[in-house]
Amino acid sequence: MVVEERWLQLVLALAGGLAAELLHWYGLARKPGGVKPYQKRVLYWMTTLGMIGLGGLMPVLYISGAASALLCFHLGAAPPLLLQKVVSAVPQAAQPMGPTRNEPSLREFFRW
């Protein structure tokens, strides 16, 4: 299916970003400890919404004119997945000194 309308490209890309984030939260739920450390903290929900929004922005940046619906969906799913891979691959520079925090970090949130 070829999509020419910008708003529909945006909706399809948002659906791709949403699918990637649903996969992220599903992956977190399958880990020991689950989603409990993240589910009530605003930071993680804002990060999730930001990832979905970033996915929705991709057709605006990459596509000029008509594009396939599948391409729009893929462009929406790619940024959350790529950022997750980048964050999880970067080595941690140093361990924090002093008392440890009980709350998870954004780095741990991206490692699903």
N, C-alpha and C. Protein backbone atom coordinates (compact mmCIF):
# COMPACT_ATOMS: atom_id res chain seq x y z
N MET A 1 0.84 -1.17 0.00
CA MET A 1 0.00 0.00 0.00
C MET A 1 0.90 1.24 0.00
N VAL A 2 0.64 2.13 -0.90
CA VAL A 2 1.41 3.38 -1.00
C VAL A 2 0.63 4.48 -0.28
N VAL A 3 1.34 5.19 0.57
CA VAL A 3 0.73 6.26 1.37
C VAL A 3 1.30 7.60 0.89
N GLU A 4 0.43 8.50 0.51
CA GLU A 4 0.87 9.81 0.03
C GLU A 4 0.66 10.90 1.07
N GLU A 5 -0.34 10.75 1.93
CA GLU A 5 -0.66 11.78 2.91
C GLU A 5 0.34 11.76 4.06
N ARG A 6 0.84 12.94 4.42
CA ARG A 6 1.83 13.06 5.50
C ARG A 6 1.26 12.59 6.83
N TRP A 7 0.02 12.92 7.10
CA TRP A 7 -0.56 12.57 8.39
C TRP A 7 -0.65 11.05 8.55
N LEU A 8 -0.94 10.36 7.45
CA LEU A 8 -1.03 8.91 7.52
C LEU A 8 0.36 8.28 7.67
N GLN A 9 1.36 8.87 7.02
CA GLN A 9 2.73 8.41 7.22
C GLN A 9 3.14 8.58 8.69
N LEU A 10 2.75 9.71 9.27
CA LEU A 10 3.04 9.97 10.68
C LEU A 10 2.35 8.94 11.58
N VAL A 11 1.09 8.65 11.31
CA VAL A 11 0.34 7.68 12.11
C VAL A 11 0.97 6.30 12.02
N LEU A 12 1.36 5.90 10.82
CA LEU A 12 2.00 4.58 10.65
C LEU A 12 3.34 4.53 11.37
N ALA A 13 4.10 5.61 11.32
CA ALA A 13 5.38 5.64 12.03
C ALA A 13 5.17 5.63 13.54
N LEU A 14 4.17 6.34 14.02
CA LEU A 14 3.85 6.29 15.45
C LEU A 14 3.45 4.88 15.86
N ALA A 15 2.73 4.18 14.99
CA ALA A 15 2.37 2.79 15.28
C ALA A 15 3.62 1.92 15.35
N GLY A 16 4.60 2.18 14.50
CA GLY A 16 5.86 1.44 14.56
C GLY A 16 6.61 1.72 15.85
N GLY A 17 6.66 2.99 16.25
CA GLY A 17 7.30 3.35 17.51
C GLY A 17 6.59 2.73 18.70
N LEU A 18 5.27 2.73 18.65
CA LEU A 18 4.48 2.12 19.71
C LEU A 18 4.74 0.61 19.78
N ALA A 19 4.82 -0.04 18.63
CA ALA A 19 5.10 -1.47 18.61
C ALA A 19 6.47 -1.78 19.23
N ALA A 20 7.46 -0.95 18.90
CA ALA A 20 8.80 -1.16 19.46
C ALA A 20 8.78 -0.97 20.98
N GLU A 21 8.05 0.02 21.45
CA GLU A 21 7.98 0.27 22.89
C GLU A 21 7.17 -0.80 23.61
N LEU A 22 6.13 -1.30 22.99
CA LEU A 22 5.39 -2.42 23.59
C LEU A 22 6.30 -3.65 23.71
N LEU A 23 7.12 -3.88 22.70
CA LEU A 23 8.09 -4.97 22.76
C LEU A 23 9.09 -4.73 23.89
N HIS A 24 9.51 -3.47 24.06
CA HIS A 24 10.43 -3.10 25.14
C HIS A 24 9.82 -3.43 26.50
N TRP A 25 8.59 -2.99 26.74
CA TRP A 25 7.94 -3.24 28.03
C TRP A 25 7.66 -4.73 28.23
N TYR A 26 7.37 -5.44 27.16
CA TYR A 26 7.19 -6.89 27.27
C TYR A 26 8.50 -7.55 27.67
N GLY A 27 9.60 -7.11 27.05
CA GLY A 27 10.91 -7.63 27.41
C GLY A 27 11.27 -7.35 28.85
N LEU A 28 10.93 -6.16 29.32
CA LEU A 28 11.17 -5.83 30.73
C LEU A 28 10.35 -6.73 31.65
N ALA A 29 9.12 -7.02 31.26
CA ALA A 29 8.25 -7.87 32.09
C ALA A 29 8.77 -9.30 32.18
N ARG A 30 9.52 -9.75 31.19
CA ARG A 30 10.05 -11.10 31.18
C ARG A 30 11.33 -11.24 31.99
N LYS A 31 11.95 -10.11 32.38
CA LYS A 31 13.18 -10.14 33.16
C LYS A 31 12.85 -10.35 34.64
N PRO A 32 13.81 -10.88 35.42
CA PRO A 32 13.60 -10.95 36.87
C PRO A 32 13.45 -9.54 37.43
N GLY A 33 12.49 -9.33 38.25
CA GLY A 33 12.23 -7.99 38.78
C GLY A 33 11.15 -7.28 37.99
N GLY A 34 10.98 -7.67 36.74
CA GLY A 34 9.91 -7.17 35.90
C GLY A 34 9.86 -5.67 35.71
N VAL A 35 8.66 -5.17 35.52
CA VAL A 35 8.44 -3.75 35.26
C VAL A 35 8.20 -2.96 36.54
N LYS A 36 8.14 -3.65 37.66
CA LYS A 36 7.82 -2.99 38.92
C LYS A 36 8.68 -1.76 39.21
N PRO A 37 10.01 -1.81 39.01
CA PRO A 37 10.82 -0.62 39.32
C PRO A 37 10.53 0.56 38.39
N TYR A 38 9.93 0.31 37.23
CA TYR A 38 9.74 1.35 36.23
C TYR A 38 8.30 1.86 36.12
N GLN A 39 7.34 1.03 36.43
CA GLN A 39 5.96 1.33 36.07
C GLN A 39 5.36 2.56 36.76
N LYS A 40 5.86 2.95 37.91
CA LYS A 40 5.27 4.09 38.61
C LYS A 40 6.13 5.34 38.56
N ARG A 41 7.20 5.31 37.79
CA ARG A 41 8.08 6.47 37.70
C ARG A 41 7.82 7.22 36.40
N VAL A 42 7.60 8.51 36.51
CA VAL A 42 7.27 9.36 35.37
C VAL A 42 8.40 9.39 34.34
N LEU A 43 9.64 9.36 34.79
CA LEU A 43 10.79 9.42 33.89
C LEU A 43 10.73 8.34 32.81
N TYR A 44 10.36 7.14 33.18
CA TYR A 44 10.35 6.03 32.24
C TYR A 44 9.17 6.13 31.27
N TRP A 45 8.05 6.64 31.74
CA TRP A 45 6.91 6.83 30.85
C TRP A 45 7.16 7.98 29.89
N MET A 46 7.83 9.03 30.36
CA MET A 46 8.20 10.14 29.46
C MET A 46 9.22 9.66 28.42
N THR A 47 10.14 8.81 28.83
CA THR A 47 11.11 8.24 27.89
C THR A 47 10.39 7.40 26.85
N THR A 48 9.42 6.61 27.28
CA THR A 48 8.65 5.78 26.35
C THR A 48 7.90 6.65 25.34
N LEU A 49 7.24 7.69 25.83
CA LEU A 49 6.52 8.60 24.93
C LEU A 49 7.48 9.32 23.99
N GLY A 50 8.65 9.68 24.49
CA GLY A 50 9.65 10.32 23.65
C GLY A 50 10.13 9.40 22.54
N MET A 51 10.31 8.14 22.85
CA MET A 51 10.75 7.17 21.84
C MET A 51 9.68 6.99 20.76
N ILE A 52 8.42 6.94 21.17
CA ILE A 52 7.32 6.82 20.21
C ILE A 52 7.26 8.08 19.34
N GLY A 53 7.40 9.24 19.96
CA GLY A 53 7.40 10.50 19.21
C GLY A 53 8.57 10.61 18.25
N LEU A 54 9.73 10.15 18.67
CA LEU A 54 10.90 10.15 17.79
C LEU A 54 10.65 9.26 16.58
N GLY A 55 10.01 8.14 16.82
CA GLY A 55 9.64 7.27 15.70
C GLY A 55 8.68 7.95 14.74
N GLY A 56 7.74 8.70 15.27
CA GLY A 56 6.78 9.41 14.42
C GLY A 56 7.42 10.51 13.61
N LEU A 57 8.53 11.02 14.07
CA LEU A 57 9.22 12.10 13.37
C LEU A 57 9.99 11.60 12.14
N MET A 58 10.35 10.34 12.12
CA MET A 58 11.21 9.82 11.06
C MET A 58 10.67 9.99 9.64
N PRO A 59 9.40 9.74 9.35
CA PRO A 59 8.94 9.96 7.97
C PRO A 59 9.05 11.42 7.55
N VAL A 60 8.86 12.33 8.48
CA VAL A 60 8.98 13.75 8.17
C VAL A 60 10.42 14.06 7.73
N LEU A 61 11.38 13.42 8.37
CA LEU A 61 12.79 13.66 8.05
C LEU A 61 13.26 12.90 6.81
N TYR A 62 12.75 11.72 6.56
CA TYR A 62 13.28 10.85 5.51
C TYR A 62 12.47 10.81 4.23
N ILE A 63 11.18 11.02 4.32
CA ILE A 63 10.33 10.79 3.15
C ILE A 63 9.85 12.11 2.57
N SER A 64 9.95 12.17 1.26
CA SER A 64 9.40 13.31 0.54
C SER A 64 8.49 12.73 -0.53
N GLY A 65 7.21 12.89 -0.35
CA GLY A 65 6.26 12.32 -1.30
C GLY A 65 5.68 11.02 -0.79
N ALA A 66 5.36 10.14 -1.71
CA ALA A 66 4.71 8.88 -1.38
C ALA A 66 5.71 7.85 -0.86
N ALA A 67 5.22 6.96 -0.01
CA ALA A 67 6.05 5.88 0.52
C ALA A 67 5.14 4.72 0.88
N SER A 68 5.74 3.55 1.01
CA SER A 68 4.93 2.39 1.37
C SER A 68 4.58 2.46 2.86
N ALA A 69 3.46 1.87 3.20
CA ALA A 69 3.02 1.85 4.60
C ALA A 69 4.02 1.09 5.46
N LEU A 70 4.57 0.02 4.92
CA LEU A 70 5.54 -0.78 5.67
C LEU A 70 6.81 0.02 5.95
N LEU A 71 7.25 0.82 4.99
CA LEU A 71 8.43 1.66 5.22
C LEU A 71 8.16 2.66 6.34
N CYS A 72 7.00 3.26 6.35
CA CYS A 72 6.66 4.22 7.42
C CYS A 72 6.65 3.52 8.77
N PHE A 73 6.09 2.33 8.83
CA PHE A 73 6.06 1.56 10.08
C PHE A 73 7.49 1.24 10.53
N HIS A 74 8.32 0.79 9.61
CA HIS A 74 9.72 0.47 9.94
C HIS A 74 10.48 1.70 10.40
N LEU A 75 10.26 2.83 9.74
CA LEU A 75 10.94 4.06 10.16
C LEU A 75 10.52 4.46 11.57
N GLY A 76 9.31 4.16 11.95
CA GLY A 76 8.86 4.47 13.30
C GLY A 76 9.42 3.52 14.35
N ALA A 77 9.61 2.27 13.97
CA ALA A 77 10.12 1.28 14.92
C ALA A 77 11.63 1.35 15.09
N ALA A 78 12.33 1.84 14.10
CA ALA A 78 13.79 1.82 14.12
C ALA A 78 14.43 2.68 15.23
N PRO A 79 14.04 3.94 15.42
CA PRO A 79 14.75 4.75 16.42
C PRO A 79 14.73 4.18 17.84
N PRO A 80 13.60 3.72 18.36
CA PRO A 80 13.65 3.15 19.71
C PRO A 80 14.57 1.93 19.81
N LEU A 81 14.54 1.08 18.79
CA LEU A 81 15.38 -0.11 18.82
C LEU A 81 16.86 0.24 18.67
N LEU A 82 17.17 1.18 17.80
CA LEU A 82 18.57 1.60 17.62
C LEU A 82 19.11 2.26 18.87
N LEU A 83 18.34 3.15 19.47
CA LEU A 83 18.80 3.81 20.70
C LEU A 83 19.00 2.80 21.83
N GLN A 84 18.13 1.82 21.91
CA GLN A 84 18.29 0.79 22.94
C GLN A 84 19.59 0.03 22.73
N LYS A 85 19.90 -0.30 21.51
CA LYS A 85 21.14 -1.04 21.22
C LYS A 85 22.36 -0.18 21.53
N VAL A 86 22.32 1.09 21.18
CA VAL A 86 23.46 1.98 21.43
C VAL A 86 23.69 2.13 22.93
N VAL A 87 22.63 2.42 23.68
CA VAL A 87 22.77 2.63 25.12
C VAL A 87 23.26 1.36 25.81
N SER A 88 22.76 0.22 25.41
CA SER A 88 23.17 -1.01 26.08
C SER A 88 24.58 -1.44 25.68
N ALA A 89 25.09 -0.97 24.54
CA ALA A 89 26.43 -1.36 24.10
C ALA A 89 27.53 -0.46 24.65
N VAL A 90 27.19 0.74 25.09
CA VAL A 90 28.20 1.65 25.60
C VAL A 90 28.66 1.16 26.97
N PRO A 91 29.97 0.97 27.13
CA PRO A 91 30.44 0.50 28.44
C PRO A 91 30.28 1.56 29.52
N GLN A 92 30.03 1.10 30.72
CA GLN A 92 29.89 2.02 31.84
C GLN A 92 31.29 2.48 32.25
N ALA A 93 31.48 3.80 32.34
CA ALA A 93 32.80 4.36 32.59
C ALA A 93 33.30 4.06 34.00
N ALA A 94 32.46 4.28 34.99
CA ALA A 94 32.90 4.08 36.37
C ALA A 94 31.70 3.75 37.24
N GLN A 95 31.96 3.04 38.28
CA GLN A 95 30.92 2.73 39.25
C GLN A 95 30.76 3.93 40.19
N PRO A 96 29.54 4.30 40.55
CA PRO A 96 29.36 5.41 41.48
C PRO A 96 29.90 5.07 42.86
N MET A 97 30.48 6.05 43.50
CA MET A 97 30.99 5.85 44.85
C MET A 97 29.92 6.26 45.86
N GLY A 98 30.03 5.74 47.05
CA GLY A 98 29.08 6.09 48.09
C GLY A 98 27.93 5.11 48.13
N PRO A 99 26.87 5.51 48.81
CA PRO A 99 25.72 4.59 48.93
C PRO A 99 25.08 4.35 47.57
N THR A 100 24.63 3.13 47.37
CA THR A 100 23.99 2.79 46.10
C THR A 100 22.53 3.19 46.13
N ARG A 101 22.02 3.51 44.94
CA ARG A 101 20.61 3.87 44.81
C ARG A 101 19.77 2.61 44.67
N ASN A 102 18.56 2.68 45.15
CA ASN A 102 17.64 1.56 45.00
C ASN A 102 16.83 1.66 43.71
N GLU A 103 16.79 2.84 43.11
CA GLU A 103 16.01 2.99 41.90
C GLU A 103 16.86 2.65 40.67
N PRO A 104 16.23 2.07 39.65
CA PRO A 104 16.97 1.70 38.45
C PRO A 104 17.34 2.94 37.63
N SER A 105 18.39 2.81 36.85
CA SER A 105 18.82 3.93 36.00
C SER A 105 18.18 3.82 34.62
N LEU A 106 18.31 4.88 33.85
CA LEU A 106 17.83 4.84 32.47
C LEU A 106 18.60 3.80 31.67
N ARG A 107 19.87 3.65 31.98
CA ARG A 107 20.70 2.65 31.31
C ARG A 107 20.11 1.25 31.52
N GLU A 108 19.70 0.94 32.74
CA GLU A 108 19.09 -0.36 33.03
C GLU A 108 17.73 -0.50 32.34
N PHE A 109 17.02 0.62 32.21
CA PHE A 109 15.73 0.62 31.55
C PHE A 109 15.88 0.24 30.07
N PHE A 110 16.96 0.71 29.44
CA PHE A 110 17.18 0.41 28.02
C PHE A 110 17.73 -0.99 27.80
N ARG A 111 18.22 -1.65 28.85
CA ARG A 111 18.74 -3.01 28.70
C ARG A 111 17.64 -4.02 28.97
N TRP A 112 16.90 -4.32 27.97
CA TRP A 112 15.82 -5.30 28.11
C TRP A 112 16.14 -6.49 27.28
